[in-house]
Amino acid sequence: MPRLAAALCSLALTVSCTAAMASNSVMASVPGNINTTPLDLGSFAAGTYHLVGAGLVDLDGTGRFVIRPDGTPDAPVNVAGYESFNPTGTFIVEGNYGPAGGNAKIGALIGTLNPNAAMLNNPTASQQADWFPIGYGTVITLASAGHLYAAVNDTYPWNNTGAFRLTVTAVPEPGQWLLTLAGLSAIALIARRRRTA
């Protein structure tokens, strides 16, 4: 009986760890027309997170600049003077970078840990360094608890339409995996001994 109690205790601890991780998961809609401060996704504990982007944003609201989360056009851009978007997207439009500078293409889904990261044309090099590309997916590690923010990398967001869907999920630490496996192994061992008896 003590072994069963130990196994159940281990299982309870595993479930508790999983529940704590789930509270650090979020789904958000990141509108294409954010122009001043990035969207606050909430507070996250120190740890590793998987960020996944989906959806489309139209960079001028007319259907001629529909962009995927990685900054590539969904269809050829058919506006004279903007051929640089075809076929794989561009980092500069009309001589300007977006807030992420050379870190992400125009129209891409981007993230930052800095609430003061600039959302302006021609941000300084230090402001550009605050941003990281999310695109269809990336993994980040927070050394300490803090907020995550997201936006669309555009030089003129005011006429944008659409939004990217963003899912942030905690990645279990190796210790949590080991704890889960230990709990399941103990339960399997007890079940096997009961069948034998």
N, C-alpha and C. Protein backbone atom coordinates (compact mmCIF):
# COMPACT_ATOMS: atom_id res chain seq x y z
N MET A 1 0.80 -1.20 0.00
CA MET A 1 0.00 0.00 0.00
C MET A 1 0.85 1.28 0.00
N PRO A 2 2.00 1.33 0.71
CA PRO A 2 2.83 2.54 0.66
C PRO A 2 3.29 2.86 -0.75
N ARG A 3 3.55 1.82 -1.56
CA ARG A 3 3.99 2.07 -2.95
C ARG A 3 2.88 2.74 -3.74
N LEU A 4 1.64 2.28 -3.54
CA LEU A 4 0.51 2.88 -4.25
C LEU A 4 0.38 4.34 -3.85
N ALA A 5 0.53 4.63 -2.56
CA ALA A 5 0.44 6.02 -2.09
C ALA A 5 1.53 6.87 -2.73
N ALA A 6 2.75 6.33 -2.81
CA ALA A 6 3.86 7.08 -3.41
C ALA A 6 3.58 7.34 -4.89
N ALA A 7 3.05 6.33 -5.60
CA ALA A 7 2.75 6.50 -7.02
C ALA A 7 1.67 7.55 -7.23
N LEU A 8 0.63 7.52 -6.39
CA LEU A 8 -0.45 8.49 -6.53
C LEU A 8 0.04 9.89 -6.20
N CYS A 9 0.93 10.00 -5.22
CA CYS A 9 1.51 11.29 -4.88
C CYS A 9 2.32 11.83 -6.06
N SER A 10 3.09 10.97 -6.69
CA SER A 10 3.88 11.37 -7.85
C SER A 10 2.97 11.82 -8.99
N LEU A 11 1.87 11.08 -9.20
CA LEU A 11 0.93 11.44 -10.27
C LEU A 11 0.30 12.80 -9.96
N ALA A 12 -0.10 13.02 -8.72
CA ALA A 12 -0.71 14.29 -8.35
C ALA A 12 0.25 15.45 -8.59
N LEU A 13 1.54 15.25 -8.27
CA LEU A 13 2.54 16.28 -8.50
C LEU A 13 2.69 16.56 -9.98
N THR A 14 2.65 15.52 -10.80
CA THR A 14 2.75 15.69 -12.25
C THR A 14 1.57 16.50 -12.78
N VAL A 15 0.37 16.17 -12.36
CA VAL A 15 -0.82 16.90 -12.81
C VAL A 15 -0.73 18.35 -12.39
N SER A 16 -0.24 18.60 -11.17
CA SER A 16 -0.10 19.96 -10.67
C SER A 16 0.88 20.75 -11.54
N CYS A 17 2.00 20.15 -11.93
CA CYS A 17 2.98 20.83 -12.80
C CYS A 17 2.36 21.14 -14.15
N THR A 18 1.61 20.19 -14.70
CA THR A 18 0.98 20.39 -16.01
C THR A 18 -0.02 21.54 -15.95
N ALA A 19 -0.80 21.60 -14.87
CA ALA A 19 -1.77 22.67 -14.73
C ALA A 19 -1.09 24.03 -14.64
N ALA A 20 0.04 24.08 -13.94
CA ALA A 20 0.77 25.34 -13.83
C ALA A 20 1.28 25.81 -15.18
N MET A 21 1.72 24.86 -16.01
CA MET A 21 2.20 25.22 -17.35
C MET A 21 1.05 25.73 -18.20
N ALA A 22 -0.14 25.11 -18.07
CA ALA A 22 -1.27 25.49 -18.91
C ALA A 22 -1.67 26.94 -18.66
N SER A 23 -1.45 27.44 -17.43
CA SER A 23 -1.80 28.83 -17.14
C SER A 23 -0.87 29.79 -17.89
N ASN A 24 0.22 29.30 -18.44
CA ASN A 24 1.13 30.12 -19.23
C ASN A 24 0.94 29.88 -20.72
N SER A 25 -0.27 29.52 -21.12
CA SER A 25 -0.60 29.37 -22.53
C SER A 25 -1.65 30.42 -22.87
N VAL A 26 -1.56 30.96 -24.08
CA VAL A 26 -2.50 32.01 -24.48
C VAL A 26 -2.73 31.95 -25.98
N MET A 27 -3.94 32.29 -26.39
CA MET A 27 -4.25 32.48 -27.81
C MET A 27 -4.69 33.93 -27.96
N ALA A 28 -4.17 34.62 -28.96
CA ALA A 28 -4.50 36.03 -29.14
C ALA A 28 -4.67 36.36 -30.62
N SER A 29 -5.40 37.42 -30.87
CA SER A 29 -5.54 37.95 -32.23
C SER A 29 -4.72 39.23 -32.29
N VAL A 30 -3.73 39.25 -33.18
CA VAL A 30 -2.82 40.40 -33.29
C VAL A 30 -3.25 41.22 -34.51
N PRO A 31 -3.97 42.34 -34.31
CA PRO A 31 -4.48 43.11 -35.45
C PRO A 31 -3.36 43.71 -36.28
N GLY A 32 -3.60 43.81 -37.57
CA GLY A 32 -2.60 44.36 -38.48
C GLY A 32 -2.38 45.84 -38.31
N ASN A 33 -3.35 46.56 -37.69
CA ASN A 33 -3.27 48.02 -37.66
C ASN A 33 -2.77 48.59 -36.33
N ILE A 34 -2.04 47.80 -35.55
CA ILE A 34 -1.41 48.36 -34.34
C ILE A 34 -0.36 49.37 -34.80
N ASN A 35 -0.40 50.59 -34.24
CA ASN A 35 0.55 51.59 -34.73
C ASN A 35 1.31 52.33 -33.63
N THR A 36 0.95 52.12 -32.37
CA THR A 36 1.67 52.86 -31.33
C THR A 36 2.41 51.93 -30.38
N THR A 37 1.70 51.09 -29.66
CA THR A 37 2.36 50.15 -28.76
C THR A 37 1.97 48.73 -29.13
N PRO A 38 2.86 47.77 -28.95
CA PRO A 38 2.54 46.39 -29.32
C PRO A 38 1.45 45.81 -28.43
N LEU A 39 0.81 44.74 -28.89
CA LEU A 39 -0.25 44.07 -28.15
C LEU A 39 0.36 43.28 -27.00
N ASP A 40 -0.12 43.53 -25.78
CA ASP A 40 0.35 42.82 -24.58
C ASP A 40 -0.32 41.46 -24.53
N LEU A 41 0.46 40.39 -24.59
CA LEU A 41 -0.06 39.03 -24.54
C LEU A 41 -0.23 38.53 -23.11
N GLY A 42 0.27 39.28 -22.13
CA GLY A 42 0.15 38.89 -20.73
C GLY A 42 1.49 38.59 -20.10
N SER A 43 1.41 38.22 -18.83
CA SER A 43 2.61 37.93 -18.05
C SER A 43 2.93 36.44 -18.12
N PHE A 44 4.21 36.13 -18.25
CA PHE A 44 4.66 34.75 -18.37
C PHE A 44 5.78 34.48 -17.38
N ALA A 45 5.76 33.29 -16.79
CA ALA A 45 6.82 32.87 -15.87
C ALA A 45 8.10 32.60 -16.65
N ALA A 46 9.21 32.59 -15.95
CA ALA A 46 10.47 32.22 -16.58
C ALA A 46 10.33 30.82 -17.15
N GLY A 47 10.87 30.59 -18.35
CA GLY A 47 10.78 29.28 -18.98
C GLY A 47 10.84 29.41 -20.49
N THR A 48 10.59 28.30 -21.16
CA THR A 48 10.66 28.23 -22.61
C THR A 48 9.24 28.15 -23.19
N TYR A 49 9.01 28.88 -24.28
CA TYR A 49 7.68 28.98 -24.88
C TYR A 49 7.75 28.77 -26.39
N HIS A 50 6.73 28.11 -26.91
CA HIS A 50 6.58 27.91 -28.34
C HIS A 50 5.52 28.89 -28.83
N LEU A 51 5.89 29.78 -29.75
CA LEU A 51 4.98 30.77 -30.31
C LEU A 51 4.62 30.34 -31.72
N VAL A 52 3.33 30.25 -32.04
CA VAL A 52 2.87 29.79 -33.36
C VAL A 52 1.94 30.84 -33.95
N GLY A 53 2.25 31.31 -35.17
CA GLY A 53 1.43 32.30 -35.86
C GLY A 53 0.65 31.68 -37.00
N ALA A 54 -0.52 32.24 -37.29
CA ALA A 54 -1.36 31.80 -38.41
C ALA A 54 -2.19 32.99 -38.88
N GLY A 55 -2.85 32.84 -40.03
CA GLY A 55 -3.73 33.88 -40.53
C GLY A 55 -3.08 34.75 -41.58
N LEU A 56 -3.78 35.82 -41.96
CA LEU A 56 -3.34 36.73 -43.01
C LEU A 56 -3.62 38.17 -42.60
N VAL A 57 -2.77 39.09 -43.05
CA VAL A 57 -2.99 40.52 -42.85
C VAL A 57 -2.89 41.21 -44.20
N ASP A 58 -3.82 42.13 -44.46
CA ASP A 58 -3.81 42.91 -45.70
C ASP A 58 -3.16 44.26 -45.39
N LEU A 59 -2.02 44.54 -46.01
CA LEU A 59 -1.24 45.73 -45.66
C LEU A 59 -1.79 47.03 -46.19
N ASP A 60 -2.82 47.02 -47.05
CA ASP A 60 -3.44 48.30 -47.43
C ASP A 60 -4.96 48.23 -47.46
N GLY A 61 -5.53 47.14 -46.99
CA GLY A 61 -6.98 47.04 -46.88
C GLY A 61 -7.72 46.89 -48.19
N THR A 62 -7.00 46.63 -49.29
CA THR A 62 -7.65 46.53 -50.60
C THR A 62 -7.58 45.12 -51.18
N GLY A 63 -6.88 44.22 -50.51
CA GLY A 63 -6.71 42.87 -51.04
C GLY A 63 -5.52 42.73 -51.96
N ARG A 64 -4.71 43.79 -52.11
CA ARG A 64 -3.57 43.74 -53.02
C ARG A 64 -2.26 43.41 -52.31
N PHE A 65 -2.26 43.45 -50.95
CA PHE A 65 -1.06 43.21 -50.16
C PHE A 65 -1.35 42.22 -49.04
N VAL A 66 -1.84 41.06 -49.37
CA VAL A 66 -2.18 40.06 -48.36
C VAL A 66 -0.93 39.27 -48.00
N ILE A 67 -0.55 39.34 -46.72
CA ILE A 67 0.73 38.82 -46.27
C ILE A 67 0.53 37.73 -45.21
N ARG A 68 1.37 36.69 -45.29
CA ARG A 68 1.37 35.59 -44.33
C ARG A 68 2.22 35.95 -43.11
N PRO A 69 2.13 35.16 -42.03
CA PRO A 69 2.89 35.49 -40.82
C PRO A 69 4.40 35.61 -41.00
N ASP A 70 4.96 34.91 -42.00
CA ASP A 70 6.41 34.99 -42.22
C ASP A 70 6.82 36.14 -43.13
N GLY A 71 5.84 36.96 -43.56
CA GLY A 71 6.15 38.12 -44.39
C GLY A 71 6.13 37.84 -45.89
N THR A 72 5.74 36.64 -46.30
CA THR A 72 5.63 36.36 -47.73
C THR A 72 4.21 36.64 -48.20
N PRO A 73 4.06 37.13 -49.45
CA PRO A 73 2.72 37.43 -49.94
C PRO A 73 1.91 36.15 -50.16
N ASP A 74 0.60 36.24 -49.88
CA ASP A 74 -0.30 35.11 -50.11
C ASP A 74 -0.56 34.92 -51.60
N ALA A 75 -0.44 35.99 -52.35
CA ALA A 75 -0.59 35.98 -53.82
C ALA A 75 0.32 37.09 -54.35
N PRO A 76 0.66 37.06 -55.63
CA PRO A 76 1.53 38.12 -56.17
C PRO A 76 0.96 39.51 -55.88
N VAL A 77 1.82 40.42 -55.45
CA VAL A 77 1.41 41.80 -55.19
C VAL A 77 1.29 42.51 -56.53
N ASN A 78 0.11 43.05 -56.79
CA ASN A 78 -0.14 43.63 -58.13
C ASN A 78 -0.27 45.14 -58.08
N VAL A 79 0.64 45.78 -57.36
CA VAL A 79 0.65 47.24 -57.27
C VAL A 79 1.96 47.72 -57.89
N ALA A 80 1.85 48.63 -58.86
CA ALA A 80 3.04 49.15 -59.53
C ALA A 80 3.98 49.80 -58.51
N GLY A 81 5.27 49.48 -58.60
CA GLY A 81 6.25 50.05 -57.70
C GLY A 81 6.54 49.19 -56.48
N TYR A 82 5.74 48.14 -56.29
CA TYR A 82 5.94 47.28 -55.12
C TYR A 82 6.31 45.85 -55.52
N GLU A 83 6.97 45.74 -56.67
CA GLU A 83 7.38 44.43 -57.15
C GLU A 83 8.35 43.74 -56.21
N SER A 84 9.01 44.51 -55.33
CA SER A 84 9.98 43.91 -54.40
C SER A 84 9.31 42.91 -53.46
N PHE A 85 7.99 42.97 -53.30
CA PHE A 85 7.28 42.00 -52.47
C PHE A 85 7.25 40.61 -53.12
N ASN A 86 7.39 40.56 -54.43
CA ASN A 86 7.26 39.29 -55.14
C ASN A 86 8.62 38.64 -55.35
N PRO A 87 8.73 37.32 -55.21
CA PRO A 87 7.70 36.40 -54.74
C PRO A 87 7.82 36.08 -53.26
N THR A 88 8.90 36.56 -52.59
CA THR A 88 9.15 36.09 -51.22
C THR A 88 9.05 37.18 -50.16
N GLY A 89 8.58 38.36 -50.50
CA GLY A 89 8.50 39.43 -49.52
C GLY A 89 9.73 40.30 -49.51
N THR A 90 9.70 41.37 -48.68
CA THR A 90 10.80 42.33 -48.65
C THR A 90 11.00 42.86 -47.23
N PHE A 91 12.21 43.31 -46.94
CA PHE A 91 12.53 43.89 -45.64
C PHE A 91 12.36 45.41 -45.63
N ILE A 92 12.28 46.02 -46.84
CA ILE A 92 12.20 47.47 -46.94
C ILE A 92 11.09 47.84 -47.92
N VAL A 93 10.28 48.84 -47.56
CA VAL A 93 9.28 49.36 -48.49
C VAL A 93 9.38 50.89 -48.49
N GLU A 94 9.44 51.46 -49.66
CA GLU A 94 9.60 52.91 -49.83
C GLU A 94 10.79 53.44 -49.03
N GLY A 95 11.86 52.64 -48.98
CA GLY A 95 13.09 53.05 -48.30
C GLY A 95 13.08 52.89 -46.79
N ASN A 96 12.01 52.32 -46.22
CA ASN A 96 11.91 52.20 -44.77
C ASN A 96 11.82 50.75 -44.31
N TYR A 97 12.45 50.46 -43.18
CA TYR A 97 12.25 49.21 -42.47
C TYR A 97 10.99 49.34 -41.60
N GLY A 98 10.44 48.20 -41.21
CA GLY A 98 9.42 48.19 -40.18
C GLY A 98 10.09 48.23 -38.82
N PRO A 99 9.33 48.14 -37.73
CA PRO A 99 9.92 48.20 -36.39
C PRO A 99 11.02 47.18 -36.14
N ALA A 100 10.94 46.01 -36.79
CA ALA A 100 11.93 44.96 -36.56
C ALA A 100 13.18 45.12 -37.41
N GLY A 101 13.23 46.17 -38.22
CA GLY A 101 14.39 46.38 -39.06
C GLY A 101 14.67 45.18 -39.96
N GLY A 102 15.92 44.75 -40.00
CA GLY A 102 16.29 43.61 -40.83
C GLY A 102 15.99 42.27 -40.18
N ASN A 103 15.36 42.28 -39.01
CA ASN A 103 15.04 41.02 -38.33
C ASN A 103 13.83 40.31 -38.91
N ALA A 104 12.96 41.05 -39.61
CA ALA A 104 11.73 40.43 -40.14
C ALA A 104 11.27 41.18 -41.38
N LYS A 105 10.57 40.47 -42.27
CA LYS A 105 10.04 41.09 -43.48
C LYS A 105 8.84 41.97 -43.17
N ILE A 106 8.55 42.89 -44.09
CA ILE A 106 7.39 43.77 -43.95
C ILE A 106 6.13 42.90 -43.94
N GLY A 107 5.27 43.14 -42.95
CA GLY A 107 4.02 42.40 -42.82
C GLY A 107 4.11 41.16 -41.97
N ALA A 108 5.31 40.79 -41.53
CA ALA A 108 5.48 39.57 -40.74
C ALA A 108 4.99 39.76 -39.31
N LEU A 109 4.66 38.67 -38.66
CA LEU A 109 4.30 38.67 -37.24
C LEU A 109 5.59 38.72 -36.42
N ILE A 110 5.69 39.70 -35.51
CA ILE A 110 6.90 39.89 -34.73
C ILE A 110 6.56 39.98 -33.23
N GLY A 111 7.58 39.76 -32.39
CA GLY A 111 7.37 39.83 -30.96
C GLY A 111 8.50 40.60 -30.28
N THR A 112 8.23 40.99 -29.03
CA THR A 112 9.22 41.69 -28.24
C THR A 112 8.94 41.46 -26.75
N LEU A 113 9.95 41.65 -25.93
CA LEU A 113 9.78 41.61 -24.48
C LEU A 113 9.76 43.02 -23.90
N ASN A 114 9.94 44.02 -24.76
CA ASN A 114 10.06 45.41 -24.33
C ASN A 114 8.78 46.18 -24.67
N PRO A 115 8.01 46.61 -23.67
CA PRO A 115 6.76 47.33 -23.95
C PRO A 115 6.99 48.67 -24.64
N ASN A 116 8.22 49.19 -24.58
CA ASN A 116 8.52 50.48 -25.19
C ASN A 116 9.15 50.34 -26.57
N ALA A 117 9.15 49.13 -27.11
CA ALA A 117 9.72 48.94 -28.45
C ALA A 117 8.95 49.82 -29.44
N ALA A 118 9.67 50.57 -30.23
CA ALA A 118 9.04 51.56 -31.10
C ALA A 118 8.23 50.92 -32.21
N MET A 119 7.08 51.52 -32.52
CA MET A 119 6.26 51.12 -33.66
C MET A 119 6.24 52.29 -34.65
N LEU A 120 7.38 52.64 -35.19
CA LEU A 120 7.52 53.82 -36.03
C LEU A 120 8.36 53.51 -37.26
N ASN A 121 8.25 54.37 -38.27
CA ASN A 121 9.16 54.26 -39.42
C ASN A 121 10.59 54.54 -38.95
N ASN A 122 11.53 53.86 -39.56
CA ASN A 122 12.95 54.08 -39.29
C ASN A 122 13.30 54.04 -37.80
N PRO A 123 12.94 52.96 -37.10
CA PRO A 123 13.35 52.88 -35.69
C PRO A 123 14.86 52.78 -35.60
N THR A 124 15.40 53.19 -34.45
CA THR A 124 16.84 53.12 -34.26
C THR A 124 17.28 51.65 -34.25
N ALA A 125 18.58 51.44 -34.42
CA ALA A 125 19.11 50.08 -34.43
C ALA A 125 18.82 49.36 -33.12
N SER A 126 18.88 50.09 -31.99
CA SER A 126 18.62 49.45 -30.70
C SER A 126 17.15 49.05 -30.58
N GLN A 127 16.25 49.86 -31.14
CA GLN A 127 14.82 49.51 -31.11
C GLN A 127 14.55 48.31 -32.01
N GLN A 128 15.19 48.26 -33.16
CA GLN A 128 15.02 47.12 -34.06
C GLN A 128 15.46 45.83 -33.39
N ALA A 129 16.53 45.92 -32.58
CA ALA A 129 17.07 44.74 -31.91
C ALA A 129 16.11 44.20 -30.85
N ASP A 130 15.16 45.04 -30.39
CA ASP A 130 14.18 44.59 -29.39
C ASP A 130 13.22 43.54 -29.96
N TRP A 131 13.07 43.51 -31.27
CA TRP A 131 12.06 42.66 -31.91
C TRP A 131 12.67 41.36 -32.42
N PHE A 132 11.88 40.31 -32.38
CA PHE A 132 12.28 39.03 -32.97
C PHE A 132 11.15 38.53 -33.86
N PRO A 133 11.48 37.81 -34.95
CA PRO A 133 10.43 37.30 -35.83
C PRO A 133 9.71 36.12 -35.18
N ILE A 134 8.39 36.09 -35.31
CA ILE A 134 7.59 34.95 -34.88
C ILE A 134 7.21 34.12 -36.10
N GLY A 135 6.67 34.78 -37.12
CA GLY A 135 6.28 34.07 -38.34
C GLY A 135 5.32 32.93 -38.05
N TYR A 136 5.57 31.79 -38.68
CA TYR A 136 4.72 30.62 -38.43
C TYR A 136 5.06 29.95 -37.10
N GLY A 137 6.23 30.22 -36.57
CA GLY A 137 6.58 29.62 -35.29
C GLY A 137 8.00 29.91 -34.87
N THR A 138 8.20 30.06 -33.57
CA THR A 138 9.53 30.22 -33.00
C THR A 138 9.49 29.79 -31.55
N VAL A 139 10.65 29.54 -30.98
CA VAL A 139 10.77 29.17 -29.56
C VAL A 139 11.61 30.23 -28.88
N ILE A 140 11.13 30.74 -27.74
CA ILE A 140 11.90 31.71 -26.98
C ILE A 140 12.02 31.23 -25.53
N THR A 141 13.06 31.68 -24.87
CA THR A 141 13.26 31.36 -23.45
C THR A 141 13.33 32.65 -22.66
N LEU A 142 12.48 32.75 -21.63
CA LEU A 142 12.50 33.90 -20.73
C LEU A 142 13.37 33.55 -19.53
N ALA A 143 14.39 34.35 -19.30
CA ALA A 143 15.28 34.11 -18.16
C ALA A 143 14.59 34.44 -16.85
N SER A 144 13.64 35.36 -16.89
CA SER A 144 12.87 35.72 -15.71
C SER A 144 11.44 36.04 -16.14
N ALA A 145 10.53 36.12 -15.19
CA ALA A 145 9.13 36.40 -15.49
C ALA A 145 9.01 37.76 -16.17
N GLY A 146 8.05 37.87 -17.10
CA GLY A 146 7.84 39.13 -17.79
C GLY A 146 6.70 39.02 -18.78
N HIS A 147 6.44 40.12 -19.47
CA HIS A 147 5.36 40.17 -20.45
C HIS A 147 5.91 39.87 -21.83
N LEU A 148 5.05 39.33 -22.69
CA LEU A 148 5.34 39.17 -24.11
C LEU A 148 4.42 40.10 -24.89
N TYR A 149 4.94 40.66 -25.98
CA TYR A 149 4.18 41.59 -26.81
C TYR A 149 4.32 41.15 -28.26
N ALA A 150 3.32 41.50 -29.08
CA ALA A 150 3.35 41.12 -30.50
C ALA A 150 2.78 42.25 -31.36
N ALA A 151 3.16 42.25 -32.63
CA ALA A 151 2.68 43.25 -33.59
C ALA A 151 2.95 42.75 -35.00
N VAL A 152 2.53 43.55 -35.98
CA VAL A 152 2.83 43.28 -37.38
C VAL A 152 3.91 44.26 -37.81
N ASN A 153 4.92 43.76 -38.49
CA ASN A 153 6.07 44.58 -38.89
C ASN A 153 5.73 45.39 -40.13
N ASP A 154 5.20 46.60 -39.93
CA ASP A 154 4.81 47.42 -41.07
C ASP A 154 5.25 48.86 -40.86
N THR A 155 5.51 49.57 -41.95
CA THR A 155 5.92 50.97 -41.87
C THR A 155 4.73 51.91 -41.79
N TYR A 156 3.56 51.45 -42.26
CA TYR A 156 2.36 52.30 -42.26
C TYR A 156 1.15 51.41 -41.95
N PRO A 157 0.90 51.11 -40.67
CA PRO A 157 -0.13 50.15 -40.32
C PRO A 157 -1.56 50.68 -40.31
N TRP A 158 -1.76 51.98 -40.43
CA TRP A 158 -3.07 52.57 -40.22
C TRP A 158 -4.15 52.03 -41.16
N ASN A 159 -3.78 51.66 -42.38
CA ASN A 159 -4.80 51.17 -43.32
C ASN A 159 -4.83 49.64 -43.41
N ASN A 160 -4.13 48.95 -42.52
CA ASN A 160 -4.12 47.48 -42.55
C ASN A 160 -5.46 46.92 -42.09
N THR A 161 -5.77 45.74 -42.60
CA THR A 161 -6.93 44.99 -42.12
C THR A 161 -6.49 43.57 -41.84
N GLY A 162 -7.35 42.81 -41.15
CA GLY A 162 -7.02 41.43 -40.82
C GLY A 162 -6.19 41.34 -39.56
N ALA A 163 -5.85 40.12 -39.19
CA ALA A 163 -5.09 39.89 -37.96
C ALA A 163 -4.41 38.53 -38.06
N PHE A 164 -3.33 38.40 -37.30
CA PHE A 164 -2.67 37.10 -37.15
C PHE A 164 -3.15 36.46 -35.85
N ARG A 165 -3.37 35.16 -35.90
CA ARG A 165 -3.66 34.41 -34.68
C ARG A 165 -2.33 33.95 -34.10
N LEU A 166 -2.18 34.13 -32.80
CA LEU A 166 -0.92 33.76 -32.14
C LEU A 166 -1.22 32.88 -30.94
N THR A 167 -0.57 31.73 -30.90
CA THR A 167 -0.70 30.82 -29.77
C THR A 167 0.65 30.72 -29.08
N VAL A 168 0.65 30.92 -27.77
CA VAL A 168 1.87 30.82 -26.97
C VAL A 168 1.67 29.67 -25.98
N THR A 169 2.55 28.69 -26.03
CA THR A 169 2.41 27.50 -25.17
C THR A 169 3.73 27.24 -24.45
N ALA A 170 3.63 26.96 -23.15
CA ALA A 170 4.82 26.63 -22.37
C ALA A 170 5.39 25.30 -22.83
N VAL A 171 6.70 25.22 -22.93
CA VAL A 171 7.39 23.97 -23.27
C VAL A 171 7.86 23.34 -21.97
N PRO A 172 7.46 22.10 -21.68
CA PRO A 172 7.86 21.48 -20.41
C PRO A 172 9.37 21.40 -20.27
N GLU A 173 9.84 21.65 -19.07
CA GLU A 173 11.26 21.50 -18.77
C GLU A 173 11.60 20.01 -18.68
N PRO A 174 12.84 19.63 -18.91
CA PRO A 174 13.21 18.21 -18.83
C PRO A 174 12.82 17.56 -17.50
N GLY A 175 12.93 18.31 -16.41
CA GLY A 175 12.56 17.78 -15.10
C GLY A 175 11.09 17.42 -15.02
N GLN A 176 10.24 18.21 -15.70
CA GLN A 176 8.80 17.92 -15.70
C GLN A 176 8.52 16.65 -16.49
N TRP A 177 9.24 16.45 -17.60
CA TRP A 177 9.06 15.22 -18.38
C TRP A 177 9.48 14.01 -17.53
N LEU A 178 10.60 14.13 -16.83
CA LEU A 178 11.08 13.02 -16.00
C LEU A 178 10.08 12.71 -14.89
N LEU A 179 9.51 13.74 -14.30
CA LEU A 179 8.52 13.55 -13.25
C LEU A 179 7.29 12.84 -13.80
N THR A 180 6.85 13.23 -14.97
CA THR A 180 5.70 12.59 -15.60
C THR A 180 5.99 11.11 -15.88
N LEU A 181 7.16 10.85 -16.47
CA LEU A 181 7.52 9.46 -16.78
C LEU A 181 7.65 8.62 -15.52
N ALA A 182 8.20 9.20 -14.46
CA ALA A 182 8.34 8.45 -13.21
C ALA A 182 6.98 8.09 -12.64
N GLY A 183 6.05 9.03 -12.67
CA GLY A 183 4.70 8.77 -12.17
C GLY A 183 3.99 7.70 -12.97
N LEU A 184 4.08 7.78 -14.30
CA LEU A 184 3.43 6.78 -15.15
C LEU A 184 4.07 5.41 -14.99
N SER A 185 5.39 5.39 -14.83
CA SER A 185 6.08 4.11 -14.64
C SER A 185 5.65 3.45 -13.34
N ALA A 186 5.52 4.25 -12.28
CA ALA A 186 5.10 3.71 -10.99
C ALA A 186 3.70 3.13 -11.07
N ILE A 187 2.81 3.81 -11.77
CA ILE A 187 1.43 3.32 -11.92
C ILE A 187 1.42 2.02 -12.72
N ALA A 188 2.22 1.95 -13.79
CA ALA A 188 2.29 0.74 -14.61
C ALA A 188 2.85 -0.43 -13.79
N LEU A 189 3.84 -0.17 -12.98
CA LEU A 189 4.44 -1.21 -12.14
C LEU A 189 3.43 -1.75 -11.14
N ILE A 190 2.68 -0.86 -10.52
CA ILE A 190 1.66 -1.29 -9.55
C ILE A 190 0.58 -2.12 -10.25
N ALA A 191 0.15 -1.66 -11.42
CA ALA A 191 -0.88 -2.41 -12.16
C ALA A 191 -0.38 -3.79 -12.54
N ARG A 192 0.87 -3.90 -12.92
CA ARG A 192 1.44 -5.19 -13.32
C ARG A 192 1.51 -6.15 -12.11
N ARG A 193 1.92 -5.61 -10.96
CA ARG A 193 2.01 -6.45 -9.75
C ARG A 193 0.62 -6.93 -9.32
N ARG A 194 -0.39 -6.06 -9.50
CA ARG A 194 -1.74 -6.48 -9.12
C ARG A 194 -2.22 -7.61 -10.01
N ARG A 195 -1.91 -7.53 -11.32
CA ARG A 195 -2.32 -8.60 -12.24
C ARG A 195 -1.63 -9.89 -11.89
N THR A 196 -0.35 -9.82 -11.52
CA THR A 196 0.42 -11.01 -11.17
C THR A 196 -0.14 -11.67 -9.90
N ALA A 197 -0.51 -10.81 -8.92
CA ALA A 197 -1.06 -11.33 -7.69
C ALA A 197 -2.43 -11.95 -7.94
